[in-house]
Amino acid sequence: MPESAAYQSAFQFLMAHPDLERGTGAAELGLDTARRLLAALDNPQLAYPTILVAGTNG
């Protein structure tokens, strides 16, 4: 099945840009940054019961 010109164009566009989730400039996922920020703010999350509802990286 031949690929459409629109697909090829979109693929080339995406491949021309850096993948920011991989490689040397990739973000390091984790809680350290959030914990440092909360500590700098005197841990306001400890002042009352908290529930976090979160999704994925997307």
PDB file of N, CA and C in Angstrom:
ATOM      1  N   MET A   1       0.847  -1.176   0.000  1.00  0.00           N
ATOM      2  CA  MET A   1       0.000   0.000   0.000  1.00  0.00           C
ATOM      3  C   MET A   1       0.898   1.246   0.000  1.00  0.00           C
ATOM      4  N   PRO A   2       0.819   2.071  -1.016  1.00  0.00           N
ATOM      5  CA  PRO A   2       1.658   3.271  -1.075  1.00  0.00           C
ATOM      6  C   PRO A   2       1.223   4.303  -0.029  1.00  0.00           C
ATOM      7  N   GLU A   3       2.227   5.002   0.502  1.00  0.00           N
ATOM      8  CA  GLU A   3       1.940   6.048   1.482  1.00  0.00           C
ATOM      9  C   GLU A   3       1.475   7.304   0.764  1.00  0.00           C
ATOM     10  N   SER A   4       0.572   8.028   1.384  1.00  0.00           N
ATOM     11  CA  SER A   4       0.069   9.253   0.769  1.00  0.00           C
ATOM     12  C   SER A   4       1.116  10.358   0.862  1.00  0.00           C
ATOM     13  N   ALA A   5       0.995  11.328  -0.016  1.00  0.00           N
ATOM     14  CA  ALA A   5       1.907  12.473  -0.007  1.00  0.00           C
ATOM     15  C   ALA A   5       1.755  13.255   1.295  1.00  0.00           C
ATOM     16  N   ALA A   6       0.538  13.330   1.825  1.00  0.00           N
ATOM     17  CA  ALA A   6       0.313  14.051   3.084  1.00  0.00           C
ATOM     18  C   ALA A   6       1.047  13.362   4.233  1.00  0.00           C
ATOM     19  N   TYR A   7       1.000  12.029   4.262  1.00  0.00           N
ATOM     20  CA  TYR A   7       1.699  11.279   5.300  1.00  0.00           C
ATOM     21  C   TYR A   7       3.202  11.513   5.196  1.00  0.00           C
ATOM     22  N   GLN A   8       3.738  11.393   3.982  1.00  0.00           N
ATOM     23  CA  GLN A   8       5.173  11.591   3.778  1.00  0.00           C
ATOM     24  C   GLN A   8       5.592  12.993   4.188  1.00  0.00           C
ATOM     25  N   SER A   9       4.787  13.980   3.849  1.00  0.00           N
ATOM     26  CA  SER A   9       5.088  15.362   4.205  1.00  0.00           C
ATOM     27  C   SER A   9       5.080  15.545   5.721  1.00  0.00           C
ATOM     28  N   ALA A  10       4.074  14.990   6.379  1.00  0.00           N
ATOM     29  CA  ALA A  10       3.980  15.101   7.838  1.00  0.00           C
ATOM     30  C   ALA A  10       5.143  14.388   8.509  1.00  0.00           C
ATOM     31  N   PHE A  11       5.501  13.210   8.015  1.00  0.00           N
ATOM     32  CA  PHE A  11       6.605  12.450   8.580  1.00  0.00           C
ATOM     33  C   PHE A  11       7.917  13.215   8.438  1.00  0.00           C
ATOM     34  N   GLN A  12       8.169  13.774   7.269  1.00  0.00           N
ATOM     35  CA  GLN A  12       9.385  14.554   7.050  1.00  0.00           C
ATOM     36  C   GLN A  12       9.425  15.773   7.965  1.00  0.00           C
ATOM     37  N   PHE A  13       8.283  16.416   8.160  1.00  0.00           N
ATOM     38  CA  PHE A  13       8.211  17.570   9.058  1.00  0.00           C
ATOM     39  C   PHE A  13       8.596  17.159  10.478  1.00  0.00           C
ATOM     40  N   LEU A  14       8.032  16.056  10.957  1.00  0.00           N
ATOM     41  CA  LEU A  14       8.323  15.602  12.314  1.00  0.00           C
ATOM     42  C   LEU A  14       9.778  15.186  12.475  1.00  0.00           C
ATOM     43  N   MET A  15      10.335  14.512  11.494  1.00  0.00           N
ATOM     44  CA  MET A  15      11.713  14.048  11.578  1.00  0.00           C
ATOM     45  C   MET A  15      12.722  15.195  11.464  1.00  0.00           C
ATOM     46  N   ALA A  16      12.292  16.340  10.970  1.00  0.00           N
ATOM     47  CA  ALA A  16      13.181  17.493  10.833  1.00  0.00           C
ATOM     48  C   ALA A  16      13.356  18.242  12.156  1.00  0.00           C
ATOM     49  N   HIS A  17      12.560  17.885  13.162  1.00  0.00           N
ATOM     50  CA  HIS A  17      12.621  18.566  14.452  1.00  0.00           C
ATOM     51  C   HIS A  17      13.216  17.629  15.504  1.00  0.00           C
ATOM     52  N   PRO A  18      13.897  18.191  16.502  1.00  0.00           N
ATOM     53  CA  PRO A  18      14.517  17.336  17.514  1.00  0.00           C
ATOM     54  C   PRO A  18      13.468  16.646  18.387  1.00  0.00           C
ATOM     55  N   ASP A  19      13.802  15.449  18.830  1.00  0.00           N
ATOM     56  CA  ASP A  19      12.956  14.708  19.766  1.00  0.00           C
ATOM     57  C   ASP A  19      13.408  15.106  21.164  1.00  0.00           C
ATOM     58  N   LEU A  20      12.654  15.958  21.824  1.00  0.00           N
ATOM     59  CA  LEU A  20      13.055  16.508  23.113  1.00  0.00           C
ATOM     60  C   LEU A  20      12.906  15.522  24.266  1.00  0.00           C
ATOM     61  N   GLU A  21      12.311  14.370  24.018  1.00  0.00           N
ATOM     62  CA  GLU A  21      12.169  13.368  25.068  1.00  0.00           C
ATOM     63  C   GLU A  21      13.312  12.359  25.059  1.00  0.00           C
ATOM     64  N   ARG A  22      14.211  12.478  24.098  1.00  0.00           N
ATOM     65  CA  ARG A  22      15.340  11.552  23.995  1.00  0.00           C
ATOM     66  C   ARG A  22      16.612  12.363  23.758  1.00  0.00           C
ATOM     67  N   GLY A  23      17.733  11.738  23.970  1.00  0.00           N
ATOM     68  CA  GLY A  23      19.004  12.377  23.674  1.00  0.00           C
ATOM     69  C   GLY A  23      19.554  13.178  24.839  1.00  0.00           C
ATOM     70  N   THR A  24      20.617  13.928  24.555  1.00  0.00           N
ATOM     71  CA  THR A  24      21.333  14.629  25.617  1.00  0.00           C
ATOM     72  C   THR A  24      20.533  15.765  26.240  1.00  0.00           C
ATOM     73  N   GLY A  25      19.618  16.356  25.506  1.00  0.00           N
ATOM     74  CA  GLY A  25      18.836  17.458  26.053  1.00  0.00           C
ATOM     75  C   GLY A  25      17.509  17.030  26.647  1.00  0.00           C
ATOM     76  N   ALA A  26      17.316  15.729  26.821  1.00  0.00           N
ATOM     77  CA  ALA A  26      16.033  15.219  27.307  1.00  0.00           C
ATOM     78  C   ALA A  26      15.793  15.635  28.750  1.00  0.00           C
ATOM     79  N   ALA A  27      14.561  15.894  29.063  1.00  0.00           N
ATOM     80  CA  ALA A  27      14.186  16.242  30.431  1.00  0.00           C
ATOM     81  C   ALA A  27      14.320  15.016  31.320  1.00  0.00           C
ATOM     82  N   GLU A  28      14.765  15.228  32.538  1.00  0.00           N
ATOM     83  CA  GLU A  28      14.847  14.139  33.500  1.00  0.00           C
ATOM     84  C   GLU A  28      13.558  14.141  34.306  1.00  0.00           C
ATOM     85  N   LEU A  29      12.783  13.087  34.144  1.00  0.00           N
ATOM     86  CA  LEU A  29      11.524  13.001  34.858  1.00  0.00           C
ATOM     87  C   LEU A  29      11.770  12.516  36.279  1.00  0.00           C
ATOM     88  N   GLY A  30      11.025  13.046  37.200  1.00  0.00           N
ATOM     89  CA  GLY A  30      11.156  12.647  38.594  1.00  0.00           C
ATOM     90  C   GLY A  30      10.524  13.689  39.496  1.00  0.00           C
ATOM     91  N   LEU A  31      10.595  13.443  40.775  1.00  0.00           N
ATOM     92  CA  LEU A  31       9.957  14.327  41.744  1.00  0.00           C
ATOM     93  C   LEU A  31      10.921  15.302  42.410  1.00  0.00           C
ATOM     94  N   ASP A  32      12.216  15.186  42.134  1.00  0.00           N
ATOM     95  CA  ASP A  32      13.197  16.028  42.823  1.00  0.00           C
ATOM     96  C   ASP A  32      12.937  17.514  42.635  1.00  0.00           C
ATOM     97  N   THR A  33      12.631  17.937  41.423  1.00  0.00           N
ATOM     98  CA  THR A  33      12.392  19.357  41.157  1.00  0.00           C
ATOM     99  C   THR A  33      11.175  19.850  41.928  1.00  0.00           C
ATOM    100  N   ALA A  34      10.097  19.084  41.901  1.00  0.00           N
ATOM    101  CA  ALA A  34       8.880  19.472  42.625  1.00  0.00           C
ATOM    102  C   ALA A  34       9.132  19.496  44.125  1.00  0.00           C
ATOM    103  N   ARG A  35       9.878  18.540  44.632  1.00  0.00           N
ATOM    104  CA  ARG A  35      10.174  18.509  46.073  1.00  0.00           C
ATOM    105  C   ARG A  35      11.012  19.713  46.490  1.00  0.00           C
ATOM    106  N   ARG A  36      11.978  20.100  45.664  1.00  0.00           N
ATOM    107  CA  ARG A  36      12.792  21.285  45.986  1.00  0.00           C
ATOM    108  C   ARG A  36      11.937  22.544  45.992  1.00  0.00           C
ATOM    109  N   LEU A  37      11.032  22.665  45.018  1.00  0.00           N
ATOM    110  CA  LEU A  37      10.146  23.825  44.972  1.00  0.00           C
ATOM    111  C   LEU A  37       9.255  23.869  46.205  1.00  0.00           C
ATOM    112  N   LEU A  38       8.646  22.749  46.555  1.00  0.00           N
ATOM    113  CA  LEU A  38       7.771  22.710  47.726  1.00  0.00           C
ATOM    114  C   LEU A  38       8.544  23.011  49.008  1.00  0.00           C
ATOM    115  N   ALA A  39       9.769  22.532  49.117  1.00  0.00           N
ATOM    116  CA  ALA A  39      10.591  22.831  50.292  1.00  0.00           C
ATOM    117  C   ALA A  39      10.889  24.324  50.368  1.00  0.00           C
ATOM    118  N   ALA A  40      11.160  24.946  49.219  1.00  0.00           N
ATOM    119  CA  ALA A  40      11.426  26.392  49.191  1.00  0.00           C
ATOM    120  C   ALA A  40      10.194  27.190  49.599  1.00  0.00           C
ATOM    121  N   LEU A  41       9.008  26.625  49.372  1.00  0.00           N
ATOM    122  CA  LEU A  41       7.749  27.286  49.744  1.00  0.00           C
ATOM    123  C   LEU A  41       7.275  26.849  51.126  1.00  0.00           C
ATOM    124  N   ASP A  42       8.154  26.223  51.901  1.00  0.00           N
ATOM    125  CA  ASP A  42       7.858  25.756  53.258  1.00  0.00           C
ATOM    126  C   ASP A  42       6.802  24.649  53.258  1.00  0.00           C
ATOM    127  N   ASN A  43       6.838  23.788  52.274  1.00  0.00           N
ATOM    128  CA  ASN A  43       5.973  22.610  52.167  1.00  0.00           C
ATOM    129  C   ASN A  43       4.498  22.890  52.449  1.00  0.00           C
ATOM    130  N   PRO A  44       3.864  23.737  51.641  1.00  0.00           N
ATOM    131  CA  PRO A  44       2.457  24.071  51.887  1.00  0.00           C
ATOM    132  C   PRO A  44       1.519  22.873  51.745  1.00  0.00           C
ATOM    133  N   GLN A  45       1.945  21.838  51.037  1.00  0.00           N
ATOM    134  CA  GLN A  45       1.101  20.657  50.850  1.00  0.00           C
ATOM    135  C   GLN A  45       0.873  19.902  52.155  1.00  0.00           C
ATOM    136  N   LEU A  46       1.688  20.171  53.178  1.00  0.00           N
ATOM    137  CA  LEU A  46       1.533  19.483  54.456  1.00  0.00           C
ATOM    138  C   LEU A  46       0.520  20.176  55.366  1.00  0.00           C
ATOM    139  N   ALA A  47       0.034  21.337  54.964  1.00  0.00           N
ATOM    140  CA  ALA A  47      -0.886  22.114  55.795  1.00  0.00           C
ATOM    141  C   ALA A  47      -2.298  21.531  55.799  1.00  0.00           C
ATOM    142  N   TYR A  48      -2.636  20.711  54.818  1.00  0.00           N
ATOM    143  CA  TYR A  48      -3.984  20.140  54.731  1.00  0.00           C
ATOM    144  C   TYR A  48      -3.919  18.839  53.931  1.00  0.00           C
ATOM    145  N   PRO A  49      -4.897  17.949  54.130  1.00  0.00           N
ATOM    146  CA  PRO A  49      -4.900  16.695  53.365  1.00  0.00           C
ATOM    147  C   PRO A  49      -4.977  16.971  51.860  1.00  0.00           C
ATOM    148  N   THR A  50      -4.205  16.221  51.097  1.00  0.00           N
ATOM    149  CA  THR A  50      -4.119  16.461  49.660  1.00  0.00           C
ATOM    150  C   THR A  50      -4.265  15.153  48.886  1.00  0.00           C
ATOM    151  N   ILE A  51      -4.963  15.221  47.763  1.00  0.00           N
ATOM    152  CA  ILE A  51      -5.046  14.102  46.820  1.00  0.00           C
ATOM    153  C   ILE A  51      -4.597  14.632  45.465  1.00  0.00           C
ATOM    154  N   LEU A  52      -3.718  13.904  44.798  1.00  0.00           N
ATOM    155  CA  LEU A  52      -3.253  14.285  43.472  1.00  0.00           C
ATOM    156  C   LEU A  52      -3.818  13.304  42.452  1.00  0.00           C
ATOM    157  N   VAL A  53      -4.505  13.835  41.459  1.00  0.00           N
ATOM    158  CA  VAL A  53      -5.000  13.028  40.348  1.00  0.00           C
ATOM    159  C   VAL A  53      -4.222  13.471  39.122  1.00  0.00           C
ATOM    160  N   ALA A  54      -3.465  12.555  38.511  1.00  0.00           N
ATOM    161  CA  ALA A  54      -2.587  12.933  37.408  1.00  0.00           C
ATOM    162  C   ALA A  54      -2.739  11.973  36.237  1.00  0.00           C
ATOM    163  N   GLY A  55      -2.233  12.425  35.093  1.00  0.00           N
ATOM    164  CA  GLY A  55      -2.252  11.615  33.884  1.00  0.00           C
ATOM    165  C   GLY A  55      -0.859  11.159  33.520  1.00  0.00           C
ATOM    166  N   THR A  56      -0.607  11.055  32.222  1.00  0.00           N
ATOM    167  CA  THR A  56       0.677  10.590  31.723  1.00  0.00           C
ATOM    168  C   THR A  56       1.501  11.767  31.226  1.00  0.00           C
ATOM    169  N   ASN A  57       2.646  11.483  30.636  1.00  0.00           N
ATOM    170  CA  ASN A  57       3.498  12.540  30.082  1.00  0.00           C
ATOM    171  C   ASN A  57       2.840  13.238  28.907  1.00  0.00           C
ATOM    172  N   GLY A  58       1.845  12.635  28.323  1.00  0.00           N
ATOM    173  CA  GLY A  58       1.218  13.196  27.132  1.00  0.00           C
ATOM    174  C   GLY A  58       0.159  14.161  27.489  1.00  0.00           C
TER     175      GLY A  58
END
